[in-house]
PDB file of N, CA and C in Angstrom:
ATOM      1  N   UNK A   1     -47.196 -18.168  16.582  1.00  0.00           N
ATOM      2  CA  UNK A   1     -46.202 -17.148  16.355  1.00  0.00           C
ATOM      3  C   UNK A   1     -46.770 -15.770  16.686  1.00  0.00           C
ATOM      4  N   UNK A   2     -48.020 -15.503  16.269  1.00  0.00           N
ATOM      5  CA  UNK A   2     -48.594 -14.190  16.480  1.00  0.00           C
ATOM      6  C   UNK A   2     -48.752 -13.849  17.958  1.00  0.00           C
ATOM      7  N   UNK A   3     -48.785 -14.851  18.817  1.00  0.00           N
ATOM      8  CA  UNK A   3     -48.898 -14.590  20.250  1.00  0.00           C
ATOM      9  C   UNK A   3     -47.584 -14.067  20.834  1.00  0.00           C
ATOM     10  N   UNK A   4     -46.479 -14.308  20.151  1.00  0.00           N
ATOM     11  CA  UNK A   4     -45.171 -13.859  20.648  1.00  0.00           C
ATOM     12  C   UNK A   4     -44.817 -12.449  20.196  1.00  0.00           C
ATOM     13  N   UNK A   5     -45.556 -11.885  19.264  1.00  0.00           N
ATOM     14  CA  UNK A   5     -45.216 -10.572  18.717  1.00  0.00           C
ATOM     15  C   UNK A   5     -45.197  -9.478  19.786  1.00  0.00           C
ATOM     16  N   UNK A   6     -46.164  -9.404  20.706  1.00  0.00           N
ATOM     17  CA  UNK A   6     -46.069  -8.358  21.735  1.00  0.00           C
ATOM     18  C   UNK A   6     -44.822  -8.489  22.619  1.00  0.00           C
ATOM     19  N   UNK A   7     -44.432  -9.724  22.933  1.00  0.00           N
ATOM     20  CA  UNK A   7     -43.222  -9.931  23.729  1.00  0.00           C
ATOM     21  C   UNK A   7     -41.987  -9.494  22.961  1.00  0.00           C
ATOM     22  N   UNK A   8     -41.943  -9.829  21.673  1.00  0.00           N
ATOM     23  CA  UNK A   8     -40.815  -9.413  20.850  1.00  0.00           C
ATOM     24  C   UNK A   8     -40.747  -7.893  20.743  1.00  0.00           C
ATOM     25  N   UNK A   9     -41.892  -7.254  20.618  1.00  0.00           N
ATOM     26  CA  UNK A   9     -41.928  -5.792  20.524  1.00  0.00           C
ATOM     27  C   UNK A   9     -41.429  -5.159  21.816  1.00  0.00           C
ATOM     28  N   UNK A  10     -41.817  -5.701  22.955  1.00  0.00           N
ATOM     29  CA  UNK A  10     -41.336  -5.162  24.243  1.00  0.00           C
ATOM     30  C   UNK A  10     -39.828  -5.346  24.380  1.00  0.00           C
ATOM     31  N   UNK A  11     -39.325  -6.525  23.983  1.00  0.00           N
ATOM     32  CA  UNK A  11     -37.882  -6.770  24.054  1.00  0.00           C
ATOM     33  C   UNK A  11     -37.125  -5.800  23.164  1.00  0.00           C
ATOM     34  N   UNK A  12     -37.628  -5.583  21.949  1.00  0.00           N
ATOM     35  CA  UNK A  12     -36.951  -4.668  21.020  1.00  0.00           C
ATOM     36  C   UNK A  12     -36.983  -3.234  21.547  1.00  0.00           C
ATOM     37  N   UNK A  13     -38.102  -2.828  22.133  1.00  0.00           N
ATOM     38  CA  UNK A  13     -38.204  -1.480  22.703  1.00  0.00           C
ATOM     39  C   UNK A  13     -37.212  -1.318  23.854  1.00  0.00           C
ATOM     40  N   UNK A  14     -37.052  -2.359  24.677  1.00  0.00           N
ATOM     41  CA  UNK A  14     -36.091  -2.293  25.780  1.00  0.00           C
ATOM     42  C   UNK A  14     -34.667  -2.202  25.246  1.00  0.00           C
ATOM     43  N   UNK A  15     -34.358  -2.941  24.181  1.00  0.00           N
ATOM     44  CA  UNK A  15     -33.021  -2.868  23.582  1.00  0.00           C
ATOM     45  C   UNK A  15     -32.743  -1.477  23.030  1.00  0.00           C
ATOM     46  N   UNK A  16     -33.720  -0.894  22.351  1.00  0.00           N
ATOM     47  CA  UNK A  16     -33.543   0.447  21.800  1.00  0.00           C
ATOM     48  C   UNK A  16     -33.348   1.486  22.896  1.00  0.00           C
ATOM     49  N   UNK A  17     -34.085   1.343  23.991  1.00  0.00           N
ATOM     50  CA  UNK A  17     -33.930   2.280  25.105  1.00  0.00           C
ATOM     51  C   UNK A  17     -32.547   2.148  25.726  1.00  0.00           C
ATOM     52  N   UNK A  18     -32.048   0.920  25.833  1.00  0.00           N
ATOM     53  CA  UNK A  18     -30.724   0.700  26.411  1.00  0.00           C
ATOM     54  C   UNK A  18     -29.641   1.259  25.485  1.00  0.00           C
ATOM     55  N   UNK A  19     -29.806   1.097  24.178  1.00  0.00           N
ATOM     56  CA  UNK A  19     -28.823   1.619  23.232  1.00  0.00           C
ATOM     57  C   UNK A  19     -28.783   3.139  23.254  1.00  0.00           C
ATOM     58  N   UNK A  20     -29.924   3.766  23.464  1.00  0.00           N
ATOM     59  CA  UNK A  20     -29.941   5.226  23.464  1.00  0.00           C
ATOM     60  C   UNK A  20     -29.245   5.795  24.698  1.00  0.00           C
ATOM     61  N   UNK A  21     -29.150   5.008  25.762  1.00  0.00           N
ATOM     62  CA  UNK A  21     -28.459   5.473  26.975  1.00  0.00           C
ATOM     63  C   UNK A  21     -26.949   5.320  26.893  1.00  0.00           C
ATOM     64  N   UNK A  22     -26.477   4.450  25.999  1.00  0.00           N
ATOM     65  CA  UNK A  22     -25.032   4.241  25.861  1.00  0.00           C
ATOM     66  C   UNK A  22     -24.392   5.413  25.144  1.00  0.00           C
ATOM     67  N   UNK A  23     -23.198   5.785  25.572  1.00  0.00           N
ATOM     68  CA  UNK A  23     -22.493   6.836  24.825  1.00  0.00           C
ATOM     69  C   UNK A  23     -22.012   6.284  23.487  1.00  0.00           C
ATOM     70  N   UNK A  24     -22.198   7.047  22.442  1.00  0.00           N
ATOM     71  CA  UNK A  24     -21.782   6.601  21.109  1.00  0.00           C
ATOM     72  C   UNK A  24     -20.379   7.090  20.819  1.00  0.00           C
ATOM     73  N   UNK A  25     -19.608   6.226  20.163  1.00  0.00           N
ATOM     74  CA  UNK A  25     -18.248   6.588  19.779  1.00  0.00           C
ATOM     75  C   UNK A  25     -18.250   7.157  18.373  1.00  0.00           C
ATOM     76  N   UNK A  26     -17.442   8.141  18.188  1.00  0.00           N
ATOM     77  CA  UNK A  26     -17.296   8.729  16.871  1.00  0.00           C
ATOM     78  C   UNK A  26     -16.321   7.869  16.078  1.00  0.00           C
ATOM     79  N   UNK A  27     -16.727   7.362  14.900  1.00  0.00           N
ATOM     80  CA  UNK A  27     -15.827   6.485  14.134  1.00  0.00           C
ATOM     81  C   UNK A  27     -14.545   7.185  13.696  1.00  0.00           C
ATOM     82  N   UNK A  28     -14.563   8.496  13.610  1.00  0.00           N
ATOM     83  CA  UNK A  28     -13.352   9.200  13.192  1.00  0.00           C
ATOM     84  C   UNK A  28     -12.295   9.233  14.293  1.00  0.00           C
ATOM     85  N   UNK A  29     -12.651   8.859  15.519  1.00  0.00           N
ATOM     86  CA  UNK A  29     -11.697   8.851  16.617  1.00  0.00           C
ATOM     87  C   UNK A  29     -10.876   7.572  16.666  1.00  0.00           C
ATOM     88  N   UNK A  30     -11.257   6.585  15.891  1.00  0.00           N
ATOM     89  CA  UNK A  30     -10.487   5.345  15.864  1.00  0.00           C
ATOM     90  C   UNK A  30      -9.138   5.581  15.214  1.00  0.00           C
ATOM     91  N   UNK A  31      -8.152   4.855  15.662  1.00  0.00           N
ATOM     92  CA  UNK A  31      -6.858   4.985  14.999  1.00  0.00           C
ATOM     93  C   UNK A  31      -6.926   4.472  13.564  1.00  0.00           C
ATOM     94  N   UNK A  32      -6.215   5.127  12.681  1.00  0.00           N
ATOM     95  CA  UNK A  32      -6.217   4.727  11.277  1.00  0.00           C
ATOM     96  C   UNK A  32      -5.587   3.357  11.091  1.00  0.00           C
ATOM     97  N   UNK A  33      -4.690   2.990  11.971  1.00  0.00           N
ATOM     98  CA  UNK A  33      -3.995   1.698  11.856  1.00  0.00           C
ATOM     99  C   UNK A  33      -4.986   0.539  11.910  1.00  0.00           C
ATOM    100  N   UNK A  34      -5.922   0.600  12.841  1.00  0.00           N
ATOM    101  CA  UNK A  34      -6.903  -0.476  12.967  1.00  0.00           C
ATOM    102  C   UNK A  34      -7.770  -0.560  11.716  1.00  0.00           C
ATOM    103  N   UNK A  35      -8.136   0.582  11.187  1.00  0.00           N
ATOM    104  CA  UNK A  35      -8.968   0.612   9.987  1.00  0.00           C
ATOM    105  C   UNK A  35      -8.212   0.012   8.807  1.00  0.00           C
ATOM    106  N   UNK A  36      -6.933   0.327   8.709  1.00  0.00           N
ATOM    107  CA  UNK A  36      -6.124  -0.217   7.616  1.00  0.00           C
ATOM    108  C   UNK A  36      -5.978  -1.728   7.732  1.00  0.00           C
ATOM    109  N   UNK A  37      -5.754  -2.206   8.943  1.00  0.00           N
ATOM    110  CA  UNK A  37      -5.604  -3.654   9.153  1.00  0.00           C
ATOM    111  C   UNK A  37      -6.902  -4.364   8.782  1.00  0.00           C
ATOM    112  N   UNK A  38      -8.019  -3.814   9.200  1.00  0.00           N
ATOM    113  CA  UNK A  38      -9.304  -4.432   8.876  1.00  0.00           C
ATOM    114  C   UNK A  38      -9.543  -4.430   7.371  1.00  0.00           C
ATOM    115  N   UNK A  39      -9.171  -3.354   6.727  1.00  0.00           N
ATOM    116  CA  UNK A  39      -9.355  -3.282   5.272  1.00  0.00           C
ATOM    117  C   UNK A  39      -8.499  -4.328   4.565  1.00  0.00           C
ATOM    118  N   UNK A  40      -7.254  -4.448   4.988  1.00  0.00           N
ATOM    119  CA  UNK A  40      -6.360  -5.435   4.370  1.00  0.00           C
ATOM    120  C   UNK A  40      -6.899  -6.843   4.603  1.00  0.00           C
ATOM    121  N   UNK A  41      -7.353  -7.132   5.809  1.00  0.00           N
ATOM    122  CA  UNK A  41      -7.915  -8.451   6.101  1.00  0.00           C
ATOM    123  C   UNK A  41      -9.168  -8.716   5.264  1.00  0.00           C
ATOM    124  N   UNK A  42      -9.996  -7.708   5.094  1.00  0.00           N
ATOM    125  CA  UNK A  42     -11.198  -7.877   4.279  1.00  0.00           C
ATOM    126  C   UNK A  42     -10.833  -8.176   2.822  1.00  0.00           C
ATOM    127  N   UNK A  43      -9.847  -7.471   2.302  1.00  0.00           N
ATOM    128  CA  UNK A  43      -9.423  -7.699   0.925  1.00  0.00           C
ATOM    129  C   UNK A  43      -8.851  -9.107   0.775  1.00  0.00           C
ATOM    130  N   UNK A  44      -8.045  -9.537   1.739  1.00  0.00           N
ATOM    131  CA  UNK A  44      -7.466 -10.888   1.689  1.00  0.00           C
ATOM    132  C   UNK A  44      -8.570 -11.941   1.729  1.00  0.00           C
ATOM    133  N   UNK A  45      -9.550 -11.757   2.595  1.00  0.00           N
ATOM    134  CA  UNK A  45     -10.644 -12.731   2.683  1.00  0.00           C
ATOM    135  C   UNK A  45     -11.469 -12.761   1.399  1.00  0.00           C
ATOM    136  N   UNK A  46     -11.681 -11.599   0.785  1.00  0.00           N
ATOM    137  CA  UNK A  46     -12.432 -11.570  -0.470  1.00  0.00           C
ATOM    138  C   UNK A  46     -11.670 -12.307  -1.559  1.00  0.00           C
ATOM    139  N   UNK A  47     -10.384 -12.071  -1.645  1.00  0.00           N
ATOM    140  CA  UNK A  47      -9.587 -12.742  -2.681  1.00  0.00           C
ATOM    141  C   UNK A  47      -9.519 -14.243  -2.442  1.00  0.00           C
ATOM    142  N   UNK A  48      -9.401 -14.644  -1.185  1.00  0.00           N
ATOM    143  CA  UNK A  48      -9.400 -16.070  -0.854  1.00  0.00           C
ATOM    144  C   UNK A  48     -10.737 -16.700  -1.225  1.00  0.00           C
ATOM    145  N   UNK A  49     -11.811 -16.006  -0.951  1.00  0.00           N
ATOM    146  CA  UNK A  49     -13.133 -16.505  -1.284  1.00  0.00           C
ATOM    147  C   UNK A  49     -13.297 -16.639  -2.795  1.00  0.00           C
ATOM    148  N   UNK A  50     -12.845 -15.634  -3.541  1.00  0.00           N
ATOM    149  CA  UNK A  50     -12.936 -15.705  -5.001  1.00  0.00           C
ATOM    150  C   UNK A  50     -12.085 -16.835  -5.560  1.00  0.00           C
ATOM    151  N   UNK A  51     -10.904 -17.030  -4.993  1.00  0.00           N
ATOM    152  CA  UNK A  51     -10.029 -18.107  -5.464  1.00  0.00           C
ATOM    153  C   UNK A  51     -10.647 -19.471  -5.184  1.00  0.00           C
ATOM    154  N   UNK A  52     -11.214 -19.639  -4.008  1.00  0.00           N
ATOM    155  CA  UNK A  52     -11.820 -20.935  -3.692  1.00  0.00           C
ATOM    156  C   UNK A  52     -13.058 -21.173  -4.544  1.00  0.00           C
ATOM    157  N   UNK A  53     -13.830 -20.133  -4.820  1.00  0.00           N
ATOM    158  CA  UNK A  53     -15.002 -20.291  -5.681  1.00  0.00           C
ATOM    159  C   UNK A  53     -14.567 -20.664  -7.095  1.00  0.00           C
ATOM    160  N   UNK A  54     -13.487 -20.063  -7.555  1.00  0.00           N
ATOM    161  CA  UNK A  54     -12.973 -20.395  -8.878  1.00  0.00           C
ATOM    162  C   UNK A  54     -12.518 -21.850  -8.933  1.00  0.00           C
ATOM    163  N   UNK A  55     -11.839 -22.297  -7.892  1.00  0.00           N
ATOM    164  CA  UNK A  55     -11.380 -23.686  -7.845  1.00  0.00           C
ATOM    165  C   UNK A  55     -12.564 -24.649  -7.827  1.00  0.00           C
ATOM    166  N   UNK A  56     -13.596 -24.308  -7.099  1.00  0.00           N
ATOM    167  CA  UNK A  56     -14.775 -25.170  -7.038  1.00  0.00           C
ATOM    168  C   UNK A  56     -15.454 -25.232  -8.399  1.00  0.00           C
ATOM    169  N   UNK A  57     -15.551 -24.082  -9.087  1.00  0.00           N
ATOM    170  CA  UNK A  57     -16.148 -24.086 -10.426  1.00  0.00           C
ATOM    171  C   UNK A  57     -15.323 -24.937 -11.382  1.00  0.00           C
ATOM    172  N   UNK A  58     -14.008 -24.840 -11.268  1.00  0.00           N
ATOM    173  CA  UNK A  58     -13.133 -25.629 -12.156  1.00  0.00           C
ATOM    174  C   UNK A  58     -13.308 -27.125 -11.898  1.00  0.00           C
ATOM    175  N   UNK A  59     -13.322 -27.514 -10.618  1.00  0.00           N
ATOM    176  CA  UNK A  59     -13.537 -28.927 -10.286  1.00  0.00           C
ATOM    177  C   UNK A  59     -14.900 -29.401 -10.759  1.00  0.00           C
ATOM    178  N   UNK A  60     -15.899 -28.554 -10.614  1.00  0.00           N
ATOM    179  CA  UNK A  60     -17.241 -28.917 -11.060  1.00  0.00           C
ATOM    180  C   UNK A  60     -17.257 -29.132 -12.563  1.00  0.00           C
ATOM    181  N   UNK A  61     -16.581 -28.270 -13.296  1.00  0.00           N
ATOM    182  CA  UNK A  61     -16.519 -28.419 -14.752  1.00  0.00           C
ATOM    183  C   UNK A  61     -15.786 -29.710 -15.129  1.00  0.00           C
ATOM    184  N   UNK A  62     -14.710 -30.021 -14.437  1.00  0.00           N
ATOM    185  CA  UNK A  62     -13.966 -31.251 -14.725  1.00  0.00           C
ATOM    186  C   UNK A  62     -14.808 -32.488 -14.435  1.00  0.00           C
ATOM    187  N   UNK A  63     -15.505 -32.451 -13.317  1.00  0.00           N
ATOM    188  CA  UNK A  63     -16.353 -33.597 -12.979  1.00  0.00           C
ATOM    189  C   UNK A  63     -17.496 -33.736 -13.969  1.00  0.00           C
ATOM    190  N   UNK A  64     -18.059 -32.629 -14.412  1.00  0.00           N
ATOM    191  CA  UNK A  64     -19.144 -32.681 -15.382  1.00  0.00           C
ATOM    192  C   UNK A  64     -18.640 -33.252 -16.702  1.00  0.00           C
ATOM    193  N   UNK A  65     -17.431 -32.861 -17.107  1.00  0.00           N
ATOM    194  CA  UNK A  65     -16.860 -33.416 -18.337  1.00  0.00           C
ATOM    195  C   UNK A  65     -16.643 -34.916 -18.212  1.00  0.00           C
ATOM    196  N   UNK A  66     -16.167 -35.357 -17.060  1.00  0.00           N
ATOM    197  CA  UNK A  66     -15.939 -36.790 -16.853  1.00  0.00           C
ATOM    198  C   UNK A  66     -17.249 -37.566 -16.864  1.00  0.00           C
ATOM    199  N   UNK A  67     -18.297 -36.975 -16.370  1.00  0.00           N
ATOM    200  CA  UNK A  67     -19.580 -37.673 -16.340  1.00  0.00           C
ATOM    201  C   UNK A  67     -20.205 -37.781 -17.723  1.00  0.00           C
ATOM    202  N   UNK A  68     -19.871 -36.855 -18.619  1.00  0.00           N
ATOM    203  CA  UNK A  68     -20.462 -36.875 -19.960  1.00  0.00           C
ATOM    204  C   UNK A  68     -19.722 -37.790 -20.925  1.00  0.00           C
ATOM    205  N   UNK A  69     -18.476 -38.110 -20.625  1.00  0.00           N
ATOM    206  CA  UNK A  69     -17.704 -38.974 -21.518  1.00  0.00           C
ATOM    207  C   UNK A  69     -18.200 -40.416 -21.416  1.00  0.00           C
ATOM    208  N   UNK A  70     -18.258 -41.088 -22.537  1.00  0.00           N
ATOM    209  CA  UNK A  70     -18.685 -42.495 -22.467  1.00  0.00           C
ATOM    210  C   UNK A  70     -17.599 -43.340 -21.792  1.00  0.00           C
ATOM    211  N   UNK A  71     -18.047 -44.294 -21.068  1.00  0.00           N
ATOM    212  CA  UNK A  71     -17.118 -45.171 -20.368  1.00  0.00           C
ATOM    213  C   UNK A  71     -16.754 -46.311 -21.311  1.00  0.00           C
ATOM    214  N   UNK A  72     -15.481 -46.442 -21.642  1.00  0.00           N
ATOM    215  CA  UNK A  72     -15.046 -47.535 -22.519  1.00  0.00           C
ATOM    216  C   UNK A  72     -14.559 -48.697 -21.661  1.00  0.00           C
ATOM    217  N   UNK A  73     -14.941 -49.849 -22.080  1.00  0.00           N
ATOM    218  CA  UNK A  73     -14.533 -51.033 -21.319  1.00  0.00           C
ATOM    219  C   UNK A  73     -13.246 -51.574 -21.913  1.00  0.00           C
ATOM    220  N   UNK A  74     -12.331 -52.023 -21.077  1.00  0.00           N
ATOM    221  CA  UNK A  74     -11.038 -52.526 -21.581  1.00  0.00           C
ATOM    222  C   UNK A  74     -11.169 -53.796 -22.420  1.00  0.00           C
ATOM    223  N   UNK A  75     -12.217 -54.593 -22.225  1.00  0.00           N
ATOM    224  CA  UNK A  75     -12.333 -55.824 -22.992  1.00  0.00           C
ATOM    225  C   UNK A  75     -13.004 -55.626 -24.351  1.00  0.00           C
ATOM    226  N   UNK A  76     -13.439 -54.406 -24.644  1.00  0.00           N
ATOM    227  CA  UNK A  76     -14.019 -54.085 -25.937  1.00  0.00           C
ATOM    228  C   UNK A  76     -15.482 -54.472 -26.069  1.00  0.00           C
ATOM    229  N   UNK A  77     -16.126 -54.879 -25.012  1.00  0.00           N
ATOM    230  CA  UNK A  77     -17.523 -55.312 -25.102  1.00  0.00           C
ATOM    231  C   UNK A  77     -18.472 -54.168 -24.963  1.00  0.00           C
TER     232      UNK A  77
END
């Protein structure tokens, strides 16, 4: 791995030099509509993620409860 470090450093230096030559866009020049859409999508994804995590926790709790209950046999043995 240590033999690749100089190559990685040269690649990173080349990337930084290329980025410095690109014109940078001012984020305030973006239309507000796009920013609003992205924000709404981010909020929806966060809520979906929280809901799915909650459902997984609930299923996990149900399965854990089922595993702790003693199994009764129908024949009484």
